[in-house]
Amino acid sequence: SFAGFEGVAEDFLVGVEESHGVLVTPHIR
C-alpha cells in the first residue's frame, strides 16, 4: 500500500516531475 491505496509495485504505471523526470516501469526506482 501507499498513500491510502492498496496495490503492488506492478500497479505503478508512470511517475513524473516537472523538471523533465519520467519513469514508466516499477523495475527502476
PDB file of all heavy atoms in Angstrom:
ATOM      1  N   SER A   1       0.838  -1.191   0.000  1.00  0.00           N
ATOM      2  CA  SER A   1       0.000   0.000   0.000  1.00  0.00           C
ATOM      3  C   SER A   1       0.871   1.238   0.000  1.00  0.00           C
ATOM      4  O   SER A   1       2.041   1.210   0.401  1.00  0.00           O
ATOM      5  CB  SER A   1      -0.929   0.029   1.217  1.00  0.00           C
ATOM      6  OG  SER A   1      -0.167   0.166   2.410  1.00  0.00           O
ATOM      7  N   PHE A   2       0.259   2.342  -0.441  1.00  0.00           N
ATOM      8  CA  PHE A   2       0.911   3.658  -0.346  1.00  0.00           C
ATOM      9  C   PHE A   2      -0.161   4.721  -0.469  1.00  0.00           C
ATOM     10  O   PHE A   2      -1.043   4.643  -1.333  1.00  0.00           O
ATOM     11  CB  PHE A   2       1.971   3.861  -1.441  1.00  0.00           C
ATOM     12  CG  PHE A   2       2.683   5.175  -1.320  1.00  0.00           C
ATOM     13  CD1 PHE A   2       3.668   5.355  -0.359  1.00  0.00           C
ATOM     14  CD2 PHE A   2       2.354   6.249  -2.136  1.00  0.00           C
ATOM     15  CE1 PHE A   2       4.317   6.577  -0.208  1.00  0.00           C
ATOM     16  CE2 PHE A   2       2.990   7.475  -2.006  1.00  0.00           C
ATOM     17  CZ  PHE A   2       3.979   7.634  -1.034  1.00  0.00           C
ATOM     18  N   ALA A   3      -0.078   5.725   0.390  1.00  0.00           N
ATOM     19  CA  ALA A   3      -0.969   6.888   0.364  1.00  0.00           C
ATOM     20  C   ALA A   3      -2.435   6.488   0.346  1.00  0.00           C
ATOM     21  O   ALA A   3      -3.260   7.111  -0.325  1.00  0.00           O
ATOM     22  CB  ALA A   3      -0.647   7.772  -0.850  1.00  0.00           C
ATOM     23  N   GLY A   4      -2.752   5.434   1.089  1.00  0.00           N
ATOM     24  CA  GLY A   4      -4.135   5.004   1.184  1.00  0.00           C
ATOM     25  C   GLY A   4      -4.598   4.068   0.082  1.00  0.00           C
ATOM     26  O   GLY A   4      -5.733   3.597   0.103  1.00  0.00           O
ATOM     27  N   PHE A   5      -3.728   3.779  -0.879  1.00  0.00           N
ATOM     28  CA  PHE A   5      -4.068   2.867  -1.962  1.00  0.00           C
ATOM     29  C   PHE A   5      -3.449   1.499  -1.709  1.00  0.00           C
ATOM     30  O   PHE A   5      -2.238   1.402  -1.436  1.00  0.00           O
ATOM     31  CB  PHE A   5      -3.556   3.384  -3.313  1.00  0.00           C
ATOM     32  CG  PHE A   5      -4.270   4.596  -3.815  1.00  0.00           C
ATOM     33  CD1 PHE A   5      -3.555   5.653  -4.359  1.00  0.00           C
ATOM     34  CD2 PHE A   5      -5.652   4.693  -3.769  1.00  0.00           C
ATOM     35  CE1 PHE A   5      -4.201   6.775  -4.843  1.00  0.00           C
ATOM     36  CE2 PHE A   5      -6.311   5.808  -4.245  1.00  0.00           C
ATOM     37  CZ  PHE A   5      -5.589   6.855  -4.777  1.00  0.00           C
ATOM     38  N   GLU A   6      -4.224   0.455  -1.804  1.00  0.00           N
ATOM     39  CA  GLU A   6      -3.678  -0.887  -1.785  1.00  0.00           C
ATOM     40  C   GLU A   6      -3.154  -1.231  -3.186  1.00  0.00           C
ATOM     41  O   GLU A   6      -3.700  -0.775  -4.192  1.00  0.00           O
ATOM     42  CB  GLU A   6      -4.745  -1.905  -1.364  1.00  0.00           C
ATOM     43  CG  GLU A   6      -5.188  -1.765   0.082  1.00  0.00           C
ATOM     44  CD  GLU A   6      -6.156  -2.869   0.486  1.00  0.00           C
ATOM     45  OE1 GLU A   6      -6.536  -3.674  -0.388  1.00  0.00           O
ATOM     46  OE2 GLU A   6      -6.523  -2.907   1.670  1.00  0.00           O
ATOM     47  N   GLY A   7      -2.109  -2.062  -3.222  1.00  0.00           N
ATOM     48  CA  GLY A   7      -1.570  -2.428  -4.522  1.00  0.00           C
ATOM     49  C   GLY A   7      -0.210  -3.069  -4.399  1.00  0.00           C
ATOM     50  O   GLY A   7       0.310  -3.276  -3.290  1.00  0.00           O
ATOM     51  N   VAL A   8       0.356  -3.399  -5.532  1.00  0.00           N
ATOM     52  CA  VAL A   8       1.702  -3.969  -5.620  1.00  0.00           C
ATOM     53  C   VAL A   8       2.507  -3.086  -6.553  1.00  0.00           C
ATOM     54  O   VAL A   8       1.973  -2.183  -7.216  1.00  0.00           O
ATOM     55  CB  VAL A   8       1.650  -5.416  -6.149  1.00  0.00           C
ATOM     56  CG1 VAL A   8       0.937  -6.322  -5.158  1.00  0.00           C
ATOM     57  CG2 VAL A   8       0.976  -5.490  -7.521  1.00  0.00           C
ATOM     58  N   ALA A   9       3.820  -3.327  -6.599  1.00  0.00           N
ATOM     59  CA  ALA A   9       4.684  -2.477  -7.421  1.00  0.00           C
ATOM     60  C   ALA A   9       4.226  -2.433  -8.873  1.00  0.00           C
ATOM     61  O   ALA A   9       4.300  -1.389  -9.529  1.00  0.00           O
ATOM     62  CB  ALA A   9       6.120  -2.974  -7.333  1.00  0.00           C
ATOM     63  N   GLU A  10       3.735  -3.574  -9.366  1.00  0.00           N
ATOM     64  CA  GLU A  10       3.311  -3.631 -10.768  1.00  0.00           C
ATOM     65  C   GLU A  10       2.090  -2.759 -11.062  1.00  0.00           C
ATOM     66  O   GLU A  10       1.752  -2.528 -12.227  1.00  0.00           O
ATOM     67  CB  GLU A  10       3.048  -5.082 -11.174  1.00  0.00           C
ATOM     68  CG  GLU A  10       4.300  -5.929 -11.374  1.00  0.00           C
ATOM     69  CD  GLU A  10       5.049  -6.209 -10.071  1.00  0.00           C
ATOM     70  OE1 GLU A  10       4.409  -6.147  -8.991  1.00  0.00           O
ATOM     71  OE2 GLU A  10       6.267  -6.462 -10.139  1.00  0.00           O
ATOM     72  N   ASP A  11       1.413  -2.276 -10.008  1.00  0.00           N
ATOM     73  CA  ASP A  11       0.296  -1.353 -10.235  1.00  0.00           C
ATOM     74  C   ASP A  11       0.788   0.045 -10.616  1.00  0.00           C
ATOM     75  O   ASP A  11       0.014   0.852 -11.128  1.00  0.00           O
ATOM     76  CB  ASP A  11      -0.576  -1.247  -8.982  1.00  0.00           C
ATOM     77  CG  ASP A  11      -1.346  -2.531  -8.696  1.00  0.00           C
ATOM     78  OD1 ASP A  11      -1.613  -3.281  -9.655  1.00  0.00           O
ATOM     79  OD2 ASP A  11      -1.670  -2.774  -7.524  1.00  0.00           O
ATOM     80  N   PHE A  12       2.050   0.328 -10.342  1.00  0.00           N
ATOM     81  CA  PHE A  12       2.623   1.620 -10.722  1.00  0.00           C
ATOM     82  C   PHE A  12       2.678   1.708 -12.241  1.00  0.00           C
ATOM     83  O   PHE A  12       3.232   0.843 -12.913  1.00  0.00           O
ATOM     84  CB  PHE A  12       4.028   1.771 -10.139  1.00  0.00           C
ATOM     85  CG  PHE A  12       4.805   2.928 -10.697  1.00  0.00           C
ATOM     86  CD1 PHE A  12       4.626   4.204 -10.191  1.00  0.00           C
ATOM     87  CD2 PHE A  12       5.715   2.742 -11.732  1.00  0.00           C
ATOM     88  CE1 PHE A  12       5.342   5.282 -10.707  1.00  0.00           C
ATOM     89  CE2 PHE A  12       6.431   3.812 -12.253  1.00  0.00           C
ATOM     90  CZ  PHE A  12       6.240   5.077 -11.736  1.00  0.00           C
ATOM     91  N   LEU A  13       2.126   2.780 -12.778  1.00  0.00           N
ATOM     92  CA  LEU A  13       2.111   2.968 -14.231  1.00  0.00           C
ATOM     93  C   LEU A  13       3.126   3.989 -14.697  1.00  0.00           C
ATOM     94  O   LEU A  13       3.920   3.738 -15.604  1.00  0.00           O
ATOM     95  CB  LEU A  13       0.715   3.394 -14.685  1.00  0.00           C
ATOM     96  CG  LEU A  13       0.539   3.568 -16.196  1.00  0.00           C
ATOM     97  CD1 LEU A  13       0.566   2.209 -16.885  1.00  0.00           C
ATOM     98  CD2 LEU A  13      -0.761   4.298 -16.514  1.00  0.00           C
ATOM     99  N   VAL A  14       3.113   5.163 -14.071  1.00  0.00           N
ATOM    100  CA  VAL A  14       4.021   6.227 -14.500  1.00  0.00           C
ATOM    101  C   VAL A  14       4.212   7.211 -13.352  1.00  0.00           C
ATOM    102  O   VAL A  14       3.283   7.485 -12.588  1.00  0.00           O
ATOM    103  CB  VAL A  14       3.495   6.935 -15.763  1.00  0.00           C
ATOM    104  CG1 VAL A  14       2.101   7.498 -15.545  1.00  0.00           C
ATOM    105  CG2 VAL A  14       4.428   8.042 -16.238  1.00  0.00           C
ATOM    106  N   GLY A  15       5.424   7.732 -13.229  1.00  0.00           N
ATOM    107  CA  GLY A  15       5.731   8.787 -12.278  1.00  0.00           C
ATOM    108  C   GLY A  15       6.378   9.942 -13.011  1.00  0.00           C
ATOM    109  O   GLY A  15       7.196   9.729 -13.919  1.00  0.00           O
ATOM    110  N   VAL A  16       6.013  11.173 -12.632  1.00  0.00           N
ATOM    111  CA  VAL A  16       6.507  12.347 -13.354  1.00  0.00           C
ATOM    112  C   VAL A  16       6.837  13.474 -12.389  1.00  0.00           C
ATOM    113  O   VAL A  16       6.263  13.586 -11.306  1.00  0.00           O
ATOM    114  CB  VAL A  16       5.463  12.853 -14.382  1.00  0.00           C
ATOM    115  CG1 VAL A  16       5.282  11.857 -15.508  1.00  0.00           C
ATOM    116  CG2 VAL A  16       4.119  13.141 -13.717  1.00  0.00           C
ATOM    117  N   GLU A  17       7.790  14.309 -12.812  1.00  0.00           N
ATOM    118  CA  GLU A  17       8.089  15.542 -12.105  1.00  0.00           C
ATOM    119  C   GLU A  17       8.322  16.645 -13.129  1.00  0.00           C
ATOM    120  O   GLU A  17       8.728  16.373 -14.265  1.00  0.00           O
ATOM    121  CB  GLU A  17       9.299  15.386 -11.190  1.00  0.00           C
ATOM    122  CG  GLU A  17      10.611  15.139 -11.903  1.00  0.00           C
ATOM    123  CD  GLU A  17      11.810  15.106 -10.975  1.00  0.00           C
ATOM    124  OE1 GLU A  17      11.611  15.258  -9.757  1.00  0.00           O
ATOM    125  OE2 GLU A  17      12.934  14.940 -11.470  1.00  0.00           O
ATOM    126  N   GLU A  18       8.115  17.878 -12.723  1.00  0.00           N
ATOM    127  CA  GLU A  18       8.157  18.981 -13.672  1.00  0.00           C
ATOM    128  C   GLU A  18       9.541  19.213 -14.263  1.00  0.00           C
ATOM    129  O   GLU A  18       9.666  19.768 -15.348  1.00  0.00           O
ATOM    130  CB  GLU A  18       7.651  20.268 -13.022  1.00  0.00           C
ATOM    131  CG  GLU A  18       8.392  20.740 -11.787  1.00  0.00           C
ATOM    132  CD  GLU A  18       9.686  21.450 -12.078  1.00  0.00           C
ATOM    133  OE1 GLU A  18       9.771  22.105 -13.122  1.00  0.00           O
ATOM    134  OE2 GLU A  18      10.608  21.333 -11.252  1.00  0.00           O
ATOM    135  N   SER A  19      10.578  18.774 -13.585  1.00  0.00           N
ATOM    136  CA  SER A  19      11.948  19.026 -14.046  1.00  0.00           C
ATOM    137  C   SER A  19      12.419  17.957 -15.025  1.00  0.00           C
ATOM    138  O   SER A  19      13.554  17.485 -14.946  1.00  0.00           O
ATOM    139  CB  SER A  19      12.899  19.142 -12.859  1.00  0.00           C
ATOM    140  OG  SER A  19      12.824  18.002 -12.042  1.00  0.00           O
ATOM    141  N   HIS A  20      11.515  17.547 -15.920  1.00  0.00           N
ATOM    142  CA  HIS A  20      11.834  16.655 -17.038  1.00  0.00           C
ATOM    143  C   HIS A  20      12.191  15.233 -16.592  1.00  0.00           C
ATOM    144  O   HIS A  20      12.918  14.532 -17.295  1.00  0.00           O
ATOM    145  CB  HIS A  20      12.976  17.229 -17.884  1.00  0.00           C
ATOM    146  CG  HIS A  20      12.610  18.484 -18.627  1.00  0.00           C
ATOM    147  ND1 HIS A  20      12.462  18.535 -19.995  1.00  0.00           N
ATOM    148  CD2 HIS A  20      12.344  19.751 -18.204  1.00  0.00           C
ATOM    149  CE1 HIS A  20      12.122  19.758 -20.365  1.00  0.00           C
ATOM    150  NE2 HIS A  20      12.039  20.514 -19.280  1.00  0.00           N
ATOM    151  N   GLY A  21      11.681  14.808 -15.454  1.00  0.00           N
ATOM    152  CA  GLY A  21      11.906  13.448 -14.989  1.00  0.00           C
ATOM    153  C   GLY A  21      10.670  12.591 -15.189  1.00  0.00           C
ATOM    154  O   GLY A  21       9.558  13.008 -14.841  1.00  0.00           O
ATOM    155  N   VAL A  22      10.860  11.402 -15.756  1.00  0.00           N
ATOM    156  CA  VAL A  22       9.761  10.481 -16.013  1.00  0.00           C
ATOM    157  C   VAL A  22      10.228   9.057 -15.721  1.00  0.00           C
ATOM    158  O   VAL A  22      11.393   8.717 -15.953  1.00  0.00           O
ATOM    159  CB  VAL A  22       9.273  10.564 -17.483  1.00  0.00           C
ATOM    160  CG1 VAL A  22       8.096   9.616 -17.728  1.00  0.00           C
ATOM    161  CG2 VAL A  22       8.878  11.983 -17.854  1.00  0.00           C
ATOM    162  N   LEU A  23       9.313   8.228 -15.231  1.00  0.00           N
ATOM    163  CA  LEU A  23       9.582   6.804 -15.034  1.00  0.00           C
ATOM    164  C   LEU A  23       8.346   6.031 -15.462  1.00  0.00           C
ATOM    165  O   LEU A  23       7.235   6.352 -15.046  1.00  0.00           O
ATOM    166  CB  LEU A  23       9.907   6.508 -13.563  1.00  0.00           C
ATOM    167  CG  LEU A  23      10.221   5.040 -13.222  1.00  0.00           C
ATOM    168  CD1 LEU A  23      11.472   4.562 -13.953  1.00  0.00           C
ATOM    169  CD2 LEU A  23      10.397   4.871 -11.713  1.00  0.00           C
ATOM    170  N   VAL A  24       8.548   4.996 -16.292  1.00  0.00           N
ATOM    171  CA  VAL A  24       7.400   4.247 -16.823  1.00  0.00           C
ATOM    172  C   VAL A  24       7.498   2.750 -16.528  1.00  0.00           C
ATOM    173  O   VAL A  24       6.836   1.946 -17.179  1.00  0.00           O
ATOM    174  CB  VAL A  24       7.252   4.478 -18.350  1.00  0.00           C
ATOM    175  CG1 VAL A  24       6.843   5.907 -18.635  1.00  0.00           C
ATOM    176  CG2 VAL A  24       8.541   4.130 -19.089  1.00  0.00           C
ATOM    177  N   THR A  25       8.294   2.382 -15.542  1.00  0.00           N
ATOM    178  CA  THR A  25       8.384   0.989 -15.124  1.00  0.00           C
ATOM    179  C   THR A  25       8.692   0.920 -13.636  1.00  0.00           C
ATOM    180  O   THR A  25       9.501   1.712 -13.140  1.00  0.00           O
ATOM    181  CB  THR A  25       9.471   0.226 -15.908  1.00  0.00           C
ATOM    182  OG1 THR A  25       9.694  -1.066 -15.300  1.00  0.00           O
ATOM    183  CG2 THR A  25      10.791   0.985 -15.911  1.00  0.00           C
ATOM    184  N   PRO A  26       8.090  -0.012 -12.902  1.00  0.00           N
ATOM    185  CA  PRO A  26       8.404  -0.127 -11.470  1.00  0.00           C
ATOM    186  C   PRO A  26       9.739  -0.814 -11.208  1.00  0.00           C
ATOM    187  O   PRO A  26      10.172  -0.896 -10.061  1.00  0.00           O
ATOM    188  CB  PRO A  26       7.241  -0.974 -10.935  1.00  0.00           C
ATOM    189  CG  PRO A  26       6.829  -1.823 -12.092  1.00  0.00           C
ATOM    190  CD  PRO A  26       7.003  -0.946 -13.307  1.00  0.00           C
ATOM    191  N   HIS A  27      10.382  -1.310 -12.250  1.00  0.00           N
ATOM    192  CA  HIS A  27      11.625  -2.061 -12.072  1.00  0.00           C
ATOM    193  C   HIS A  27      12.853  -1.168 -12.012  1.00  0.00           C
ATOM    194  O   HIS A  27      13.973  -1.655 -11.841  1.00  0.00           O
ATOM    195  CB  HIS A  27      11.762  -3.092 -13.191  1.00  0.00           C
ATOM    196  CG  HIS A  27      10.603  -4.038 -13.248  1.00  0.00           C
ATOM    197  ND1 HIS A  27      10.379  -4.998 -12.276  1.00  0.00           N
ATOM    198  CD2 HIS A  27       9.582  -4.148 -14.122  1.00  0.00           C
ATOM    199  CE1 HIS A  27       9.277  -5.666 -12.566  1.00  0.00           C
ATOM    200  NE2 HIS A  27       8.771  -5.175 -13.679  1.00  0.00           N
ATOM    201  N   ILE A  28      12.666   0.127 -12.199  1.00  0.00           N
ATOM    202  CA  ILE A  28      13.715   1.124 -11.997  1.00  0.00           C
ATOM    203  C   ILE A  28      13.169   2.091 -10.963  1.00  0.00           C
ATOM    204  O   ILE A  28      12.006   2.469 -11.030  1.00  0.00           O
ATOM    205  CB  ILE A  28      14.056   1.850 -13.315  1.00  0.00           C
ATOM    206  CG1 ILE A  28      14.559   0.846 -14.363  1.00  0.00           C
ATOM    207  CG2 ILE A  28      15.091   2.941 -13.094  1.00  0.00           C
ATOM    208  CD1 ILE A  28      14.731   1.430 -15.752  1.00  0.00           C
ATOM    209  N   ARG A  29      13.970   2.499 -10.015  1.00  0.00           N
ATOM    210  CA  ARG A  29      13.445   3.278  -8.901  1.00  0.00           C
ATOM    211  C   ARG A  29      13.947   4.722  -8.911  1.00  0.00           C
ATOM    212  O   ARG A  29      14.129   5.344  -7.871  1.00  0.00           O
ATOM    213  CB  ARG A  29      13.786   2.583  -7.573  1.00  0.00           C
ATOM    214  CG  ARG A  29      13.222   1.164  -7.476  1.00  0.00           C
ATOM    215  CD  ARG A  29      11.704   1.157  -7.435  1.00  0.00           C
ATOM    216  NE  ARG A  29      11.128  -0.175  -7.616  1.00  0.00           N
ATOM    217  CZ  ARG A  29      10.917  -1.064  -6.635  1.00  0.00           C
ATOM    218  NH1 ARG A  29      11.224  -0.750  -5.395  1.00  0.00           N
ATOM    219  NH2 ARG A  29      10.386  -2.243  -6.906  1.00  0.00           N
TER     220      ARG A  29
END
